[in-house]
Amino acid sequence: MRSSGLSKIHSWINITIGLILFWLVGGVYLFLKPEHNQFWGLGELGDYFGGGLGGLAILMIIYTAKLQANQLELQSSELRESGVMRSYELFKPELEGLSVRIVSKLSNSDKVKISNDDFNLLYEKYQVKGDKTVFLREIQKIIQSKNGEISGLDSEADEAINRYKDICYKLEQYLQDEETGDDFSKAMRSTEIFQCYNALKQL
C-alpha cells in the first residue's frame, strides 16, 4: 500500500517535469528562433509565459492535494495496523497460556506421549527462562510429526484447541477487514502464534 502510494507520487512528479520541459522547449522554439520573431510581440511572450506559470501553479496545487491524500492514506493504514497490533498483544498472553494447556492435553492422547520430565523442561523454559513460544513450537512439532492425525482428545483438550482457534480466527478476520499493508499482514502471519494456529487447523 505504501509503495503503491509513493509510486503514484513519483509518476506524478515525472509527468509534471515532462510538461514543464515541453513548455520551456516550446517557448524557446516559438519566441527565440530568429525566423519566428516577426510573428510574436512582447504581449504574446508575456501571455505565453504568464499562462504557463498559471498552469504550473494549478499542477502544483493538484500535486500538493495528491500528496496530502497519500499522507492521510498512510496515516489511516498505520492506525489500522496499530489497532490490529493492540488486539494481538491483548490476546497474546491467553494464547500462550492455552498453548501450555494444549500440550499438556495432547501428551495424554492415544498417539502423543510426552514424559513428565520433558514437559517440565518445556515449562521451565516457558516460566523461568521467559520463552513464551516454546509450547507454541511444541504444538507445531507434535502435529507435524503425526501429520495432523491425533485421536483420543478429551473435552478439555477440544475446548482449549477451539478457544485458541476462535481467537486466532478473529485476529485473522481483523487483518482482512482492516485492509492492513501486505508487509504487516505477512509479519503477523509469520508469528509463532499464527503458525501454531495453522497447525491446529489440521486437527
Foldseek 3Di string as FASTA:
>chain_A
DLVVLVVVLVVLVVVLVVVVVVLVVVLCVQPVDVVNPVPDDPVVNCVSVVVVVVVSVVSVVVSVVSVVVSVVVVVLLVVLLVVLVVLCVVCVVVLLVLLLVLVVQLCPFPPHNDDPVRNVVLVCCVPVVVPSLSSLVVLLVVLVVVVLDTDRGDPSNVVSLVVLLVSVVVSLVSCVVSVHDPVSNVVVCPDSSNVSSVSSVSD
